[in-house]
């Protein structure tokens, strides 16, 4: 079992500070795992998240809708979508009534990429938790937000 104090060689003034830092440290650790899984596919975790959002939507949605649904909020979400567009994984369409509004939709190539990516390693990371522990963790994290 990990021990944050030992891993970062630090002491904490109280358990709440340790919990906050532990959440941030664990989130960063999970990001590293995600980036390693996605590295062979030449996309970032945020780009993967955008593709998942679009696949789940099942239809074209606005750029703002994509931004609202993102797990990791990003000020450069439009740039991330530009990269996915350049890789021909998504398509963009301007709204006929308001040229400022852009609709995004996943392309077949994007769907195929998602099918290739095996995120099972994330399941392996969480196998140390029972269903009840996962439920408790979710409740606590929801309570913090």
Foldseek 3Di string as FASTA:
>chain_A
DDDVCVVVVHDDPDVVVVVVVVVVVVVVVVLVVQCVLCVVVPAHPQLLLLLVVQVVVVDWDWLVVSQVPGPDRDPVSVVSVVVCVVVVQKDWDADPVDRVTIIIHGDPVVVVSNVPRDPCVVVVVCPVDDPVRVVVVVVVVVVVD
